[in-house]
């Protein structure tokens, strides 16, 4: 219940300070910013991407490098990581962002998942878990920017063999916290997990802002 209240507070902050209040009626707040209390088979996630407010929030992180958007997104993911830490021993895990191709970095100037990880690691409770941060060890070989018009089947096929691990020996036998912004079919996260497990990882815990 406490976590649900935090999510509602974050959503109200989102409405009041980042986006024009007239974009949504307050009575629609819970419907648009609901919290997924249980993890799915794919990832731990917080918000519904069906919400226009949530899409605006992630757009601010993904394309505009909006400080407030990145802070809110990091808070949501950090809360889910802390919830997991009560059930699993993830102290000392390695936090890894989903990478982006050089062409995307050149276009926008940054990887939003790296920004998200940096903000998550600023959380005082997260610091107690002594995570290590390896932002460049996972390598992406395919571009996912044009997948929006693909079917679920084609998205999954397109994502196969898209990732590899640089210096597998540096992470072999470790636990991984894998961070992405949004998952739709889960193809990206699952292929990244495949690459990490092929590198000798014992456990991969996947987190996103929305689904």
Protein backbone atom coordinates (compact mmCIF):
# COMPACT_ATOMS: atom_id res chain seq x y z
CA UNK A 1 0.00 0.00 0.00
CA UNK A 2 2.83 2.42 0.84
CA UNK A 3 4.37 1.92 -2.61
CA UNK A 4 1.02 2.51 -4.31
CA UNK A 5 0.66 5.80 -2.44
CA UNK A 6 4.15 6.83 -3.53
CA UNK A 7 3.23 6.16 -7.15
CA UNK A 8 0.07 8.28 -6.83
CA UNK A 9 2.13 11.09 -5.29
CA UNK A 10 4.63 10.90 -8.13
CA UNK A 11 1.82 11.03 -10.70
CA UNK A 12 0.35 14.13 -9.08
CA UNK A 13 3.79 15.76 -9.05
CA UNK A 14 4.05 14.89 -12.71
CA UNK A 15 0.77 16.62 -13.47
CA UNK A 16 1.42 19.69 -11.35
CA UNK A 17 4.99 20.50 -12.29
CA UNK A 18 5.91 18.90 -15.60
CA UNK A 19 2.84 18.77 -17.78
CA UNK A 20 -0.01 21.28 -18.15
CA UNK A 21 -2.76 20.38 -15.69
CA UNK A 22 -5.40 20.80 -18.37
CA UNK A 23 -4.06 17.73 -20.22
CA UNK A 24 -5.90 15.42 -17.85
CA UNK A 25 -8.73 15.57 -15.35
CA UNK A 26 -7.76 14.76 -11.80
CA UNK A 27 -10.46 12.08 -11.59
CA UNK A 28 -8.58 10.17 -14.29
CA UNK A 29 -5.34 10.17 -12.32
CA UNK A 30 -5.56 6.62 -10.96
CA UNK A 31 -6.69 5.21 -14.30
CA UNK A 32 -3.80 6.79 -16.20
CA UNK A 33 -1.01 6.32 -13.65
CA UNK A 34 -1.72 2.94 -12.15
CA UNK A 35 0.90 0.83 -10.44
CA UNK A 36 1.51 -2.76 -11.51
CA UNK A 37 1.97 -4.32 -8.10
CA UNK A 38 3.25 -7.70 -9.30
CA UNK A 39 6.15 -8.29 -11.62
CA UNK A 40 5.50 -9.92 -14.99
CA UNK A 41 7.48 -12.73 -16.56
CA UNK A 42 9.40 -10.10 -18.53
CA UNK A 43 10.26 -7.28 -16.14
CA UNK A 44 9.46 -5.35 -12.97
CA UNK A 45 7.61 -2.25 -14.14
CA UNK A 46 5.57 0.61 -12.68
CA UNK A 47 3.39 2.47 -15.18
CA UNK A 48 1.10 1.82 -18.12
CA UNK A 49 2.43 3.12 -21.44
CA UNK A 50 -1.19 3.36 -22.62
CA UNK A 51 -1.42 6.58 -20.62
CA UNK A 52 -0.67 9.76 -22.57
CA UNK A 53 0.82 11.23 -19.39
CA UNK A 54 3.22 8.32 -19.04
CA UNK A 55 4.18 8.59 -22.71
CA UNK A 56 4.90 12.30 -22.23
CA UNK A 57 6.98 11.52 -19.16
CA UNK A 58 9.09 8.97 -21.02
CA UNK A 59 9.34 11.23 -24.06
CA UNK A 60 10.85 13.86 -21.77
CA UNK A 61 13.48 11.38 -20.63
CA UNK A 62 14.09 9.72 -23.99
CA UNK A 63 14.27 12.66 -26.35
CA UNK A 64 14.48 15.88 -24.34
CA UNK A 65 16.83 14.81 -21.52
CA UNK A 66 14.37 16.44 -19.11
CA UNK A 67 15.83 16.52 -15.58
CA UNK A 68 12.49 16.22 -13.79
CA UNK A 69 11.33 13.38 -16.02
CA UNK A 70 14.57 11.44 -15.44
CA UNK A 71 14.32 11.98 -11.67
CA UNK A 72 10.73 10.71 -11.52
CA UNK A 73 11.48 7.72 -13.73
CA UNK A 74 14.53 6.85 -11.61
CA UNK A 75 12.45 7.06 -8.43
CA UNK A 76 9.88 4.63 -9.84
CA UNK A 77 12.51 2.09 -10.88
CA UNK A 78 14.48 2.50 -7.64
CA UNK A 79 11.37 1.69 -5.60
CA UNK A 80 10.89 -1.54 -7.52
CA UNK A 81 14.54 -2.49 -7.07
CA UNK A 82 14.26 -1.86 -3.33
CA UNK A 83 11.12 -4.02 -3.19
CA UNK A 84 13.02 -6.82 -4.87
CA UNK A 85 15.93 -6.43 -2.44
CA UNK A 86 13.58 -7.46 0.39
CA UNK A 87 13.05 -10.83 -1.31
CA UNK A 88 16.33 -11.45 -3.13
CA UNK A 89 19.93 -10.89 -2.12
CA UNK A 90 20.98 -8.44 -4.84
CA UNK A 91 23.61 -6.60 -2.81
CA UNK A 92 26.72 -6.02 -4.92
CA UNK A 93 24.87 -6.66 -8.20
CA UNK A 94 25.98 -4.99 -11.42
CA UNK A 95 23.58 -2.44 -12.91
CA UNK A 96 23.61 -2.36 -16.71
CA UNK A 97 21.58 -0.11 -19.05
CA UNK A 98 20.22 -1.32 -22.37
CA UNK A 99 22.69 0.23 -24.83
CA UNK A 100 21.91 2.30 -27.89
CA UNK A 101 23.61 2.30 -31.28
CA UNK A 102 26.15 5.01 -32.09
CA UNK A 103 23.77 6.39 -34.73
CA UNK A 104 21.11 7.04 -32.06
CA UNK A 105 23.65 8.59 -29.69
CA UNK A 106 24.83 10.85 -32.51
CA UNK A 107 21.25 11.88 -33.25
CA UNK A 108 20.13 12.63 -29.67
CA UNK A 109 23.43 13.05 -27.84
CA UNK A 110 22.75 10.58 -25.03
CA UNK A 111 21.44 7.18 -23.99
CA UNK A 112 18.37 7.66 -21.81
CA UNK A 113 18.93 4.32 -20.07
CA UNK A 114 22.37 5.43 -18.92
CA UNK A 115 20.84 8.63 -17.53
CA UNK A 116 18.22 6.52 -15.76
CA UNK A 117 20.89 4.31 -14.18
CA UNK A 118 22.92 7.29 -12.96
CA UNK A 119 19.84 8.78 -11.32
CA UNK A 120 18.87 5.43 -9.74
CA UNK A 121 22.35 5.12 -8.22
CA UNK A 122 21.91 8.51 -6.50
CA UNK A 123 19.11 7.06 -4.35
CA UNK A 124 20.36 6.81 -0.77
CA UNK A 125 18.74 3.43 -0.13
CA UNK A 126 20.06 2.06 -3.41
CA UNK A 127 23.58 3.14 -2.39
CA UNK A 128 23.37 0.75 0.57
CA UNK A 129 23.11 -2.16 -1.87
CA UNK A 130 26.63 -1.42 -3.18
CA UNK A 131 25.79 -1.87 -6.83
CA UNK A 132 28.53 -1.70 -9.45
CA UNK A 133 27.80 0.18 -12.66
CA UNK A 134 29.02 -1.16 -16.03
CA UNK A 135 27.40 1.07 -18.70
CA UNK A 136 29.43 -0.12 -21.71
CA UNK A 137 29.73 -3.88 -21.25
CA UNK A 138 26.55 -4.77 -23.16
CA UNK A 139 26.77 -4.05 -26.89
CA UNK A 140 23.85 -3.59 -29.29
CA UNK A 141 24.24 -4.60 -32.94
CA UNK A 142 20.79 -3.85 -34.37
CA UNK A 143 18.71 -0.71 -34.52
CA UNK A 144 15.27 -0.92 -32.84
CA UNK A 145 14.12 2.60 -33.73
CA UNK A 146 11.94 1.40 -36.63
CA UNK A 147 10.08 -1.41 -34.85
CA UNK A 148 6.87 0.47 -34.07
CA UNK A 149 5.07 -0.80 -37.20
CA UNK A 150 6.21 -4.41 -36.81
CA UNK A 151 4.02 -7.20 -35.48
CA UNK A 152 4.92 -8.83 -32.17
CA UNK A 153 6.25 -11.88 -34.00
CA UNK A 154 8.45 -9.76 -36.28
CA UNK A 155 9.70 -7.62 -33.38
CA UNK A 156 10.84 -10.72 -31.54
CA UNK A 157 12.51 -12.11 -34.67
CA UNK A 158 14.18 -8.75 -35.33
CA UNK A 159 15.65 -8.66 -31.83
CA UNK A 160 17.28 -12.08 -31.98
CA UNK A 161 21.07 -12.06 -31.62
CA UNK A 162 21.04 -8.27 -31.22
CA UNK A 163 23.30 -8.05 -28.17
CA UNK A 164 26.69 -9.31 -27.09
CA UNK A 165 28.87 -8.80 -24.03
CA UNK A 166 32.25 -7.09 -24.07
CA UNK A 167 34.74 -8.73 -21.68
CA UNK A 168 32.45 -11.54 -20.37
CA UNK A 169 35.01 -12.45 -17.71
CA UNK A 170 34.37 -9.13 -15.95
CA UNK A 171 30.78 -10.08 -15.11
CA UNK A 172 30.73 -13.89 -15.12
CA UNK A 173 29.00 -15.35 -12.07
CA UNK A 174 27.51 -11.99 -11.03
CA UNK A 175 23.91 -10.83 -10.57
CA UNK A 176 22.69 -8.23 -13.03
CA UNK A 177 20.15 -5.42 -12.72
CA UNK A 178 19.18 -4.67 -16.34
CA UNK A 179 17.52 -1.30 -17.00
CA UNK A 180 15.37 -0.20 -19.96
CA UNK A 181 12.76 2.55 -20.30
CA UNK A 182 9.79 0.69 -21.85
CA UNK A 183 9.07 -2.86 -22.92
CA UNK A 184 6.39 -3.79 -25.43
CA UNK A 185 6.93 -7.39 -26.51
CA UNK A 186 9.92 -7.91 -24.23
CA UNK A 187 12.08 -8.89 -27.20
CA UNK A 188 14.86 -6.41 -26.43
CA UNK A 189 15.12 -7.36 -22.77
CA UNK A 190 14.98 -11.08 -23.46
CA UNK A 191 17.73 -10.95 -26.07
CA UNK A 192 19.90 -8.83 -23.77
CA UNK A 193 19.29 -11.41 -21.04
CA UNK A 194 20.32 -14.17 -23.45
CA UNK A 195 23.63 -12.42 -24.17
CA UNK A 196 24.30 -11.88 -20.46
CA UNK A 197 23.56 -15.49 -19.55
CA UNK A 198 25.79 -16.68 -22.39
CA UNK A 199 28.51 -14.62 -20.71
CA UNK A 200 28.12 -16.65 -17.52
CA UNK A 201 25.71 -14.48 -15.53
CA UNK A 202 23.88 -16.34 -12.77
CA UNK A 203 20.79 -14.07 -12.49
CA UNK A 204 19.32 -11.19 -14.50
CA UNK A 205 16.65 -8.96 -12.95
CA UNK A 206 15.00 -6.70 -15.52
CA UNK A 207 13.42 -3.32 -14.73
CA UNK A 208 11.56 -0.76 -16.84
CA UNK A 209 9.52 2.36 -16.20
CA UNK A 210 6.50 1.29 -18.20
CA UNK A 211 4.84 -1.40 -20.29
